[in-house]
């Protein structure tokens, strides 16, 4: 714990896992104290005050579980860095003690019989699942609006969206409703809320996370990962979610960029006036990386465009029917088909249009266009590996979103770059780059996230690089639109 924190009463505001553990180990607070404090913050900020609308449900057993973990700490010691720490999970993760709804009225009140695999791992690590967070309905788009939860608001500018689809988790973590949280990501959905809420989000190498028991969209593109306020906390949560099969947090140091070759993917930068604020922050981050010992390789000749990749290679609409109906059957959901889902729902028009388009595809897994796209995805993977090899790269870098997060009421979250990792399955981490200029509605500016993408199973390497940049830049700021005097 920092000297500054030691000299004043303990505050949970932006407290890290290590600081929370030290406070509990020294008797400054208990796990019950943490749960009560976070619940008070949710009460003051979520449906009252700024009405951020980040939460969909609260764990009714959270205080009881905190008491049990406090007792266990006294009698047996700590299980590890998450012992007794409250976190939140996106409401498409099955939990046996709270509903799993995907934000849709068609699944309102549905409680799975067992926790999903990742939630089991988190509970085994000693974490308390404090509650479930809002998301863009069925995790399909990037505005974080649902028929059950309404529109989640960005705590840095209440007129802006919080990114998505894991926007509820992003807001809950940034607003200190919990120590950290989980998201899912079929295109941008972990990294978009991280970028928009001044956080760190990790999309792991495809296959590292066991996705059993998570409401699915696409077997090709789905993934799960952590959202936290620091790179170290994201790495610690990543380890627990994965079940401690790998280590990501033990070797973090300020020299993680020294000697690294990083390709600047210029085609993922915007070129219009609307992109200027993001580009300014991105260029500043690139200079910081270079000053920290990285060699920046300009890849201006590489012709990869996120919008074209999304249009030509995305396979969600071909896979969602099979994935959802398999989930409905296995977990005995209140609807069993996508047709039933549509009949029972009350959807935002874009969601309804997407679902109807998917339903209209006959034999989608045998469709020629689907197999054409899968072939192109494999070609993209090979192309990307060739770029890494030809330029001897350790990572690629670009802004996660080319423009600032959009206004509430916009039809889409424009100009995001997450599709590259989603299609290839390569690991990516989005971390704090800085803020736009202040405005009337955003008194400290709007957060801007920078993304690093690595080769398969280089998750630890890109985490190390992000940690080194974070340590030098120090761009984490507390949201201005939260009530903190609680």
Protein backbone atom coordinates (compact mmCIF):
# COMPACT_ATOMS: atom_id res chain seq x y z
CA UNK A 1 0.00 0.00 0.00
CA UNK A 2 1.30 3.46 -0.88
CA UNK A 3 2.59 5.78 1.86
CA UNK A 4 -0.23 8.20 1.04
CA UNK A 5 -2.87 5.54 1.72
CA UNK A 6 -1.17 4.49 4.97
CA UNK A 7 -1.44 8.04 6.32
CA UNK A 8 -5.22 8.31 5.99
CA UNK A 9 -8.28 6.15 6.68
CA UNK A 10 -8.61 3.30 4.22
CA UNK A 11 -10.72 4.07 1.16
CA UNK A 12 -11.94 1.56 -1.38
CA UNK A 13 -11.89 4.20 -4.14
CA UNK A 14 -9.63 2.76 -6.85
CA UNK A 15 -8.07 0.37 -4.31
CA UNK A 16 -6.21 -2.48 -5.99
CA UNK A 17 -6.46 -6.16 -5.13
CA UNK A 18 -3.16 -5.98 -3.26
CA UNK A 19 -4.25 -2.92 -1.28
CA UNK A 20 -7.56 -4.55 -0.38
CA UNK A 21 -5.78 -7.73 0.71
CA UNK A 22 -3.30 -5.81 2.84
CA UNK A 23 -6.14 -3.86 4.47
CA UNK A 24 -7.91 -7.11 5.36
CA UNK A 25 -4.72 -8.83 6.53
CA UNK A 26 -3.89 -5.94 8.86
CA UNK A 27 -7.43 -5.71 10.22
CA UNK A 28 -8.22 -2.29 8.80
CA UNK A 29 -11.31 -3.72 7.08
CA UNK A 30 -13.11 -7.01 6.68
CA UNK A 31 -14.64 -8.57 3.61
CA UNK A 32 -18.04 -7.70 5.08
CA UNK A 33 -16.92 -4.04 5.27
CA UNK A 34 -15.97 -4.14 1.60
CA UNK A 35 -19.29 -5.67 0.55
CA UNK A 36 -21.25 -3.11 2.57
CA UNK A 37 -19.23 -0.21 1.16
CA UNK A 38 -19.64 -1.32 -2.44
CA UNK A 39 -23.36 -1.94 -1.91
CA UNK A 40 -23.72 1.58 -0.50
CA UNK A 41 -21.98 2.97 -3.57
CA UNK A 42 -24.32 1.04 -5.85
CA UNK A 43 -27.32 2.31 -3.89
CA UNK A 44 -26.14 5.92 -4.19
CA UNK A 45 -25.05 5.88 -7.82
CA UNK A 46 -26.84 3.25 -9.85
CA UNK A 47 -30.59 3.96 -9.65
CA UNK A 48 -30.19 7.18 -7.68
CA UNK A 49 -27.81 10.11 -8.07
CA UNK A 50 -26.31 9.97 -11.57
CA UNK A 51 -28.44 6.85 -12.29
CA UNK A 52 -25.67 5.00 -14.08
CA UNK A 53 -27.80 1.85 -14.53
CA UNK A 54 -24.83 -0.51 -14.53
CA UNK A 55 -26.31 -3.28 -12.34
CA UNK A 56 -29.05 -5.80 -13.11
CA UNK A 57 -29.03 -7.84 -9.88
CA UNK A 58 -27.33 -8.04 -6.48
CA UNK A 59 -26.20 -11.26 -4.82
CA UNK A 60 -28.59 -11.76 -1.84
CA UNK A 61 -25.97 -13.91 -0.11
CA UNK A 62 -23.01 -11.54 -0.51
CA UNK A 63 -22.82 -10.50 3.16
CA UNK A 64 -23.20 -14.09 4.33
CA UNK A 65 -20.42 -15.20 1.97
CA UNK A 66 -18.22 -12.33 3.17
CA UNK A 67 -18.66 -13.45 6.78
CA UNK A 68 -17.68 -17.00 5.85
CA UNK A 69 -14.57 -15.80 4.04
CA UNK A 70 -13.60 -13.51 6.94
CA UNK A 71 -13.87 -16.49 9.28
CA UNK A 72 -11.83 -18.64 6.92
CA UNK A 73 -9.11 -15.98 6.76
CA UNK A 74 -8.87 -15.92 10.56
CA UNK A 75 -8.79 -19.68 10.92
CA UNK A 76 -6.90 -20.87 7.84
CA UNK A 77 -5.40 -17.80 6.17
CA UNK A 78 -6.05 -16.32 2.76
CA UNK A 79 -6.67 -18.41 -0.35
CA UNK A 80 -4.89 -15.82 -2.48
CA UNK A 81 -5.19 -12.34 -4.00
CA UNK A 82 -8.97 -12.53 -4.50
CA UNK A 83 -9.91 -13.86 -1.05
CA UNK A 84 -12.93 -11.93 0.23
CA UNK A 85 -12.89 -9.40 -2.60
CA UNK A 86 -16.20 -8.38 -4.24
CA UNK A 87 -16.31 -8.46 -8.03
CA UNK A 88 -19.13 -8.19 -10.58
CA UNK A 89 -19.88 -10.42 -13.57
CA UNK A 90 -21.66 -9.64 -16.80
CA UNK A 91 -25.22 -10.94 -16.83
CA UNK A 92 -24.54 -13.56 -19.47
CA UNK A 93 -22.43 -15.65 -17.03
CA UNK A 94 -24.49 -18.39 -15.37
CA UNK A 95 -24.75 -18.01 -11.60
CA UNK A 96 -26.75 -20.35 -9.40
CA UNK A 97 -27.69 -17.60 -6.92
CA UNK A 98 -28.80 -14.84 -9.31
CA UNK A 99 -30.70 -14.67 -12.61
CA UNK A 100 -28.85 -14.93 -15.91
CA UNK A 101 -30.78 -12.86 -18.42
CA UNK A 102 -28.56 -11.41 -21.11
CA UNK A 103 -30.51 -8.23 -20.38
CA UNK A 104 -33.57 -9.54 -22.22
CA UNK A 105 -37.11 -9.76 -20.87
CA UNK A 106 -37.46 -13.19 -22.48
CA UNK A 107 -35.02 -14.58 -19.86
CA UNK A 108 -36.16 -12.46 -16.91
CA UNK A 109 -35.96 -14.46 -13.69
CA UNK A 110 -34.10 -17.41 -15.25
CA UNK A 111 -31.65 -18.89 -12.72
CA UNK A 112 -29.24 -21.55 -13.94
CA UNK A 113 -28.82 -24.69 -11.85
CA UNK A 114 -25.04 -24.28 -11.65
CA UNK A 115 -22.41 -21.59 -11.96
CA UNK A 116 -20.56 -21.33 -15.25
CA UNK A 117 -17.01 -22.65 -15.25
CA UNK A 118 -15.38 -19.22 -14.85
CA UNK A 119 -17.63 -18.24 -11.93
CA UNK A 120 -16.77 -21.55 -10.25
CA UNK A 121 -13.08 -20.68 -10.64
CA UNK A 122 -13.62 -17.21 -9.18
CA UNK A 123 -15.51 -18.53 -6.16
CA UNK A 124 -12.80 -21.16 -5.63
CA UNK A 125 -10.27 -18.31 -5.58
CA UNK A 126 -12.25 -16.66 -2.77
CA UNK A 127 -13.93 -13.91 -4.79
CA UNK A 128 -17.44 -12.75 -3.87
CA UNK A 129 -19.75 -12.32 -6.87
CA UNK A 130 -21.40 -9.12 -5.67
CA UNK A 131 -23.83 -8.76 -8.55
CA UNK A 132 -24.59 -9.03 -12.25
CA UNK A 133 -24.10 -6.15 -14.67
CA UNK A 134 -26.11 -4.70 -17.50
CA UNK A 135 -25.06 -5.29 -21.11
CA UNK A 136 -26.22 -4.60 -24.58
CA UNK A 137 -29.07 -7.05 -24.98
CA UNK A 138 -27.81 -10.60 -25.63
CA UNK A 139 -24.30 -9.11 -25.93
CA UNK A 140 -24.98 -8.24 -29.57
CA UNK A 141 -24.05 -4.56 -29.93
CA UNK A 142 -21.90 -1.87 -28.39
CA UNK A 143 -24.20 0.68 -26.76
CA UNK A 144 -25.07 -1.23 -23.52
CA UNK A 145 -28.84 -0.91 -23.73
CA UNK A 146 -31.20 -3.71 -22.68
CA UNK A 147 -34.91 -4.18 -22.14
CA UNK A 148 -34.25 -5.21 -18.52
CA UNK A 149 -31.57 -2.69 -17.60
CA UNK A 150 -32.20 0.30 -19.82
CA UNK A 151 -29.32 2.47 -21.01
CA UNK A 152 -26.11 2.33 -18.98
CA UNK A 153 -24.48 5.77 -18.80
CA UNK A 154 -20.83 6.71 -19.03
CA UNK A 155 -19.66 8.13 -15.66
CA UNK A 156 -17.24 10.51 -17.41
CA UNK A 157 -20.00 12.04 -19.54
CA UNK A 158 -23.61 11.13 -18.80
CA UNK A 159 -24.62 11.96 -22.37
CA UNK A 160 -22.29 9.28 -23.76
CA UNK A 161 -22.57 5.50 -23.98
CA UNK A 162 -20.13 3.38 -21.94
CA UNK A 163 -19.06 1.19 -24.86
CA UNK A 164 -20.30 -2.35 -24.99
CA UNK A 165 -21.55 -4.88 -24.92
CA UNK A 166 -19.97 -5.27 -21.44
CA UNK A 167 -20.76 -1.64 -20.59
CA UNK A 168 -22.37 -2.43 -17.26
CA UNK A 169 -19.19 -4.10 -16.05
CA UNK A 170 -17.09 -1.23 -17.37
CA UNK A 171 -19.15 1.38 -15.52
CA UNK A 172 -19.40 -0.70 -12.33
CA UNK A 173 -15.63 -1.13 -12.15
CA UNK A 174 -14.78 2.47 -13.06
CA UNK A 175 -17.38 3.84 -10.61
CA UNK A 176 -16.03 1.59 -7.83
CA UNK A 177 -19.10 -0.61 -7.41
CA UNK A 178 -16.66 -3.53 -7.09
CA UNK A 179 -12.94 -4.18 -7.22
CA UNK A 180 -13.06 -5.55 -10.79
CA UNK A 181 -15.35 -7.45 -13.16
CA UNK A 182 -15.76 -9.80 -16.08
CA UNK A 183 -16.91 -9.34 -19.64
CA UNK A 184 -17.40 -11.26 -22.85
CA UNK A 185 -16.16 -10.30 -26.30
CA UNK A 186 -17.40 -11.46 -29.72
CA UNK A 187 -16.10 -8.37 -31.54
CA UNK A 188 -15.12 -5.54 -29.15
CA UNK A 189 -17.12 -6.16 -26.02
CA UNK A 190 -14.45 -6.40 -23.30
CA UNK A 191 -12.11 -3.81 -24.76
CA UNK A 192 -14.74 -1.25 -25.81
CA UNK A 193 -15.96 -0.62 -22.21
CA UNK A 194 -12.35 -0.63 -21.01
CA UNK A 195 -11.52 2.10 -23.52
CA UNK A 196 -14.66 4.13 -22.78
CA UNK A 197 -14.35 3.90 -18.97
CA UNK A 198 -10.61 4.47 -18.40
CA UNK A 199 -9.95 0.80 -17.61
CA UNK A 200 -7.95 -2.24 -18.66
CA UNK A 201 -9.60 -5.08 -20.58
CA UNK A 202 -8.04 -8.33 -21.78
CA UNK A 203 -9.31 -10.55 -24.57
CA UNK A 204 -7.19 -13.71 -24.14
CA UNK A 205 -5.90 -16.06 -26.78
CA UNK A 206 -8.90 -18.03 -28.05
CA UNK A 207 -9.19 -21.31 -26.17
CA UNK A 208 -7.59 -20.27 -22.90
CA UNK A 209 -10.95 -19.53 -21.27
CA UNK A 210 -13.57 -22.22 -20.68
CA UNK A 211 -16.80 -20.60 -21.91
CA UNK A 212 -19.15 -23.33 -20.67
CA UNK A 213 -22.23 -21.80 -19.06
CA UNK A 214 -21.94 -18.38 -20.71
CA UNK A 215 -24.83 -17.22 -22.90
CA UNK A 216 -23.22 -17.52 -26.35
CA UNK A 217 -23.27 -15.71 -29.67
CA UNK A 218 -20.53 -17.21 -31.85
CA UNK A 219 -18.35 -20.28 -31.29
CA UNK A 220 -15.76 -18.74 -33.61
CA UNK A 221 -15.61 -15.28 -32.06
CA UNK A 222 -16.82 -15.56 -28.43
CA UNK A 223 -14.35 -15.05 -25.61
CA UNK A 224 -14.33 -13.98 -21.95
CA UNK A 225 -11.92 -11.87 -19.96
CA UNK A 226 -11.27 -9.43 -17.12
CA UNK A 227 -12.02 -5.72 -16.82
CA UNK A 228 -10.11 -3.88 -14.08
CA UNK A 229 -8.69 -0.51 -13.14
CA UNK A 230 -5.03 -1.54 -13.44
CA UNK A 231 -3.07 -3.93 -15.64
CA UNK A 232 -1.91 -5.89 -12.60
CA UNK A 233 -5.46 -6.39 -11.33
CA UNK A 234 -6.58 -7.47 -14.80
CA UNK A 235 -3.74 -10.00 -14.89
CA UNK A 236 -4.61 -11.33 -11.42
CA UNK A 237 -8.27 -11.70 -12.34
CA UNK A 238 -7.31 -13.34 -15.64
CA UNK A 239 -5.34 -15.99 -13.74
CA UNK A 240 -8.28 -16.79 -11.47
CA UNK A 241 -10.81 -16.87 -14.33
CA UNK A 242 -8.60 -19.33 -16.19
CA UNK A 243 -8.19 -21.50 -13.10
CA UNK A 244 -4.52 -20.69 -12.45
CA UNK A 245 -3.31 -22.68 -15.46
CA UNK A 246 -0.91 -19.87 -16.36
CA UNK A 247 0.78 -16.96 -14.61
CA UNK A 248 0.35 -13.43 -15.91
CA UNK A 249 0.98 -11.17 -12.90
CA UNK A 250 4.21 -12.39 -11.32
CA UNK A 251 6.76 -10.92 -13.75
CA UNK A 252 5.29 -7.46 -14.24
CA UNK A 253 7.89 -4.67 -14.14
CA UNK A 254 8.54 -1.20 -15.53
CA UNK A 255 10.90 -2.54 -18.24
CA UNK A 256 8.34 -4.58 -20.15
CA UNK A 257 8.70 -2.42 -23.29
CA UNK A 258 12.47 -2.37 -23.38
CA UNK A 259 13.73 -3.91 -26.62
CA UNK A 260 10.26 -4.77 -27.92
CA UNK A 261 9.37 -4.26 -31.59
CA UNK A 262 5.85 -2.89 -31.94
CA UNK A 263 4.10 -2.44 -35.27
CA UNK A 264 1.95 0.68 -35.59
CA UNK A 265 -1.10 -0.41 -37.60
CA UNK A 266 -1.80 2.87 -39.39
CA UNK A 267 -4.88 1.55 -41.21
CA UNK A 268 -6.58 1.32 -37.79
CA UNK A 269 -6.18 5.08 -37.21
CA UNK A 270 -8.88 7.49 -38.38
CA UNK A 271 -8.18 10.18 -40.95
CA UNK A 272 -11.05 12.64 -40.45
CA UNK A 273 -11.63 15.56 -38.10
CA UNK A 274 -13.80 13.38 -35.85
CA UNK A 275 -10.73 11.20 -35.21
CA UNK A 276 -8.32 13.97 -34.19
CA UNK A 277 -8.74 13.76 -30.41
CA UNK A 278 -8.10 10.02 -30.40
CA UNK A 279 -5.14 10.31 -32.75
CA UNK A 280 -3.55 12.96 -30.53
CA UNK A 281 -3.65 10.64 -27.50
CA UNK A 282 -2.55 7.64 -29.53
CA UNK A 283 0.50 9.45 -30.90
CA UNK A 284 1.42 10.55 -27.38
CA UNK A 285 1.23 6.92 -26.22
CA UNK A 286 3.43 5.80 -29.11
CA UNK A 287 6.07 8.34 -28.08
CA UNK A 288 5.86 7.11 -24.49
CA UNK A 289 6.41 3.52 -25.65
CA UNK A 290 9.44 4.58 -27.64
CA UNK A 291 10.86 6.47 -24.66
CA UNK A 292 10.39 3.29 -22.60
CA UNK A 293 12.65 1.35 -24.95
CA UNK A 294 10.30 0.01 -27.61
CA UNK A 295 11.15 0.22 -31.31
CA UNK A 296 8.08 1.45 -33.17
CA UNK A 297 7.70 0.03 -36.69
CA UNK A 298 5.36 2.03 -38.93
CA UNK A 299 3.14 -0.35 -40.90
CA UNK A 300 1.59 2.21 -43.23
CA UNK A 301 1.69 -0.22 -46.15
CA UNK A 302 -0.43 -2.88 -44.41
CA UNK A 303 -3.94 -2.88 -45.90
CA UNK A 304 -6.14 -4.09 -43.04
CA UNK A 305 -9.38 -2.19 -42.37
CA UNK A 306 -11.56 -3.00 -39.37
CA UNK A 307 -14.79 -2.00 -41.12
CA UNK A 308 -14.09 -4.26 -44.09
CA UNK A 309 -13.13 -7.18 -41.86
CA UNK A 310 -16.39 -6.82 -39.94
CA UNK A 311 -18.45 -6.61 -43.12
CA UNK A 312 -16.78 -9.48 -44.97
CA UNK A 313 -15.64 -11.96 -42.29
CA UNK A 314 -17.89 -11.66 -39.21
CA UNK A 315 -19.80 -14.95 -38.67
CA UNK A 316 -22.09 -14.12 -35.74
CA UNK A 317 -25.31 -14.27 -37.71
CA UNK A 318 -24.47 -17.75 -39.04
CA UNK A 319 -23.61 -19.22 -35.62
CA UNK A 320 -25.93 -17.54 -33.13
CA UNK A 321 -28.97 -19.77 -33.69
CA UNK A 322 -27.11 -23.03 -33.10
CA UNK A 323 -25.21 -21.57 -30.14
CA UNK A 324 -28.21 -20.04 -28.37
CA UNK A 325 -30.50 -23.02 -28.86
CA UNK A 326 -27.82 -25.39 -27.58
CA UNK A 327 -27.47 -23.19 -24.47
CA UNK A 328 -31.25 -23.01 -23.98
CA UNK A 329 -31.53 -26.82 -24.12
CA UNK A 330 -28.56 -27.62 -21.86
CA UNK A 331 -29.54 -25.12 -19.18
CA UNK A 332 -33.33 -25.59 -19.41
CA UNK A 333 -34.00 -21.95 -20.17
CA UNK A 334 -37.58 -20.60 -20.30
CA UNK A 335 -37.28 -20.35 -24.09
CA UNK A 336 -35.91 -23.13 -26.28
CA UNK A 337 -35.71 -21.55 -29.73
CA UNK A 338 -34.84 -18.20 -31.25
CA UNK A 339 -38.42 -17.90 -32.47
CA UNK A 340 -39.65 -18.14 -28.87
CA UNK A 341 -37.05 -15.58 -27.86
CA UNK A 342 -38.40 -13.13 -30.41
CA UNK A 343 -42.02 -13.76 -29.44
CA UNK A 344 -41.34 -13.14 -25.72
CA UNK A 345 -38.95 -10.24 -26.17
CA UNK A 346 -39.44 -6.49 -26.46
CA UNK A 347 -36.36 -5.56 -28.38
CA UNK A 348 -34.50 -2.54 -29.49
CA UNK A 349 -35.05 -2.51 -33.29
CA UNK A 350 -31.43 -3.33 -34.18
CA UNK A 351 -31.52 -6.46 -32.00
CA UNK A 352 -34.79 -7.64 -33.50
CA UNK A 353 -33.50 -7.03 -37.02
CA UNK A 354 -30.32 -9.00 -36.32
CA UNK A 355 -32.20 -11.95 -34.81
CA UNK A 356 -34.70 -12.06 -37.67
CA UNK A 357 -31.87 -11.94 -40.20
CA UNK A 358 -30.16 -14.85 -38.44
CA UNK A 359 -33.38 -16.91 -38.27
CA UNK A 360 -33.98 -16.36 -41.98
CA UNK A 361 -30.74 -18.12 -42.98
CA UNK A 362 -31.55 -21.72 -43.93
CA UNK A 363 -29.01 -24.26 -42.61
CA UNK A 364 -26.60 -21.49 -41.58
CA UNK A 365 -23.74 -23.83 -40.63
CA UNK A 366 -23.85 -25.36 -44.11
CA UNK A 367 -24.30 -22.06 -45.92
CA UNK A 368 -21.67 -21.40 -48.64
CA UNK A 369 -21.14 -17.81 -47.41
CA UNK A 370 -20.39 -19.09 -43.89
CA UNK A 371 -17.71 -21.46 -45.13
CA UNK A 372 -16.32 -18.75 -47.39
CA UNK A 373 -15.93 -16.51 -44.36
CA UNK A 374 -14.29 -19.24 -42.27
CA UNK A 375 -11.76 -19.74 -45.07
CA UNK A 376 -11.05 -16.00 -45.16
CA UNK A 377 -10.62 -15.97 -41.36
CA UNK A 378 -7.93 -18.66 -41.65
CA UNK A 379 -6.26 -16.62 -44.38
CA UNK A 380 -6.36 -13.56 -42.13
CA UNK A 381 -4.63 -15.50 -39.35
CA UNK A 382 -1.87 -16.53 -41.74
CA UNK A 383 -1.53 -12.98 -43.04
CA UNK A 384 -1.21 -11.61 -39.53
CA UNK A 385 1.39 -14.21 -38.55
CA UNK A 386 3.34 -13.30 -41.70
CA UNK A 387 3.28 -9.62 -40.68
CA UNK A 388 4.63 -10.51 -37.25
CA UNK A 389 7.33 -12.68 -38.79
CA UNK A 390 8.39 -10.34 -41.59
CA UNK A 391 8.80 -7.35 -39.26
CA UNK A 392 10.03 -9.37 -36.24
CA UNK A 393 7.21 -7.89 -34.15
CA UNK A 394 6.27 -8.50 -30.53
CA UNK A 395 2.90 -6.75 -30.87
CA UNK A 396 0.70 -4.46 -32.95
CA UNK A 397 -0.63 -1.18 -31.54
CA UNK A 398 -3.59 1.05 -32.46
CA UNK A 399 -6.40 2.95 -30.71
CA UNK A 400 -9.24 0.62 -29.76
CA UNK A 401 -11.76 3.13 -31.09
CA UNK A 402 -10.88 5.65 -33.80
CA UNK A 403 -13.30 8.27 -32.47
CA UNK A 404 -14.67 9.13 -29.05
CA UNK A 405 -17.43 6.97 -27.62
CA UNK A 406 -20.77 7.95 -29.15
CA UNK A 407 -23.74 9.85 -27.72
CA UNK A 408 -26.62 7.99 -26.08
CA UNK A 409 -29.23 7.56 -28.79
CA UNK A 410 -26.80 6.83 -31.63
CA UNK A 411 -27.61 3.73 -33.69
CA UNK A 412 -24.14 2.18 -33.41
CA UNK A 413 -20.74 2.41 -31.71
CA UNK A 414 -18.70 3.59 -34.69
CA UNK A 415 -15.08 3.04 -35.70
CA UNK A 416 -14.01 0.27 -33.31
CA UNK A 417 -10.99 -1.93 -34.08
CA UNK A 418 -11.65 -4.99 -31.95
CA UNK A 419 -12.64 -7.24 -34.85
CA UNK A 420 -9.02 -8.17 -35.66
CA UNK A 421 -8.53 -10.03 -32.38
CA UNK A 422 -12.06 -11.42 -32.45
CA UNK A 423 -11.64 -13.07 -35.85
CA UNK A 424 -8.09 -14.34 -35.43
CA UNK A 425 -8.28 -15.36 -31.77
CA UNK A 426 -5.02 -13.51 -31.11
CA UNK A 427 -4.72 -11.97 -27.61
CA UNK A 428 -5.35 -8.24 -27.13
CA UNK A 429 -5.25 -5.83 -24.20
CA UNK A 430 -6.78 -2.35 -24.08
CA UNK A 431 -5.42 0.07 -21.50
CA UNK A 432 -5.66 3.76 -20.59
CA UNK A 433 -4.15 6.12 -23.15
CA UNK A 434 -5.54 9.40 -21.89
CA UNK A 435 -8.49 11.75 -22.22
CA UNK A 436 -10.03 14.04 -24.78
CA UNK A 437 -10.26 17.76 -24.11
CA UNK A 438 -12.75 18.72 -21.38
CA UNK A 439 -16.19 19.86 -22.46
CA UNK A 440 -19.42 21.07 -20.87
CA UNK A 441 -20.68 17.49 -20.42
CA UNK A 442 -17.25 15.89 -19.82
CA UNK A 443 -15.42 18.05 -17.24
CA UNK A 444 -12.22 15.97 -17.30
CA UNK A 445 -12.64 14.70 -20.86
CA UNK A 446 -13.65 11.31 -22.27
CA UNK A 447 -11.38 8.27 -21.86
CA UNK A 448 -9.42 6.93 -24.83
CA UNK A 449 -8.03 3.39 -24.86
CA UNK A 450 -4.97 2.00 -26.63
CA UNK A 451 -4.85 -1.62 -27.79
CA UNK A 452 -1.92 -4.04 -28.06
CA UNK A 453 -2.39 -7.26 -30.05
CA UNK A 454 0.05 -10.14 -29.78
CA UNK A 455 0.67 -13.54 -31.33
CA UNK A 456 -1.26 -16.55 -30.01
CA UNK A 457 -0.29 -17.41 -26.41
CA UNK A 458 1.73 -14.21 -26.04
CA UNK A 459 -0.83 -12.98 -23.51
CA UNK A 460 1.81 -12.53 -20.81
CA UNK A 461 4.03 -10.51 -23.15
CA UNK A 462 1.38 -7.95 -24.11
CA UNK A 463 0.29 -7.68 -20.46
CA UNK A 464 3.89 -6.90 -19.52
CA UNK A 465 4.11 -4.22 -22.22
CA UNK A 466 0.83 -2.61 -21.15
CA UNK A 467 1.98 -2.64 -17.52
CA UNK A 468 5.19 -0.77 -18.38
CA UNK A 469 3.28 1.85 -20.34
CA UNK A 470 0.66 2.23 -17.61
CA UNK A 471 3.37 2.76 -14.98
CA UNK A 472 4.84 5.63 -16.98
CA UNK A 473 1.66 7.29 -18.27
CA UNK A 474 -0.55 6.97 -15.14
CA UNK A 475 -3.79 7.95 -16.87
CA UNK A 476 -6.33 6.40 -14.49
CA UNK A 477 -8.76 9.07 -13.18
CA UNK A 478 -11.82 8.73 -10.95
CA UNK A 479 -15.07 9.45 -12.83
CA UNK A 480 -16.50 12.90 -12.09
CA UNK A 481 -20.13 11.74 -12.13
CA UNK A 482 -20.09 9.48 -9.09
CA UNK A 483 -21.06 10.22 -5.52
CA UNK A 484 -18.00 9.30 -3.45
CA UNK A 485 -18.72 10.78 -0.03
CA UNK A 486 -20.54 7.70 1.29
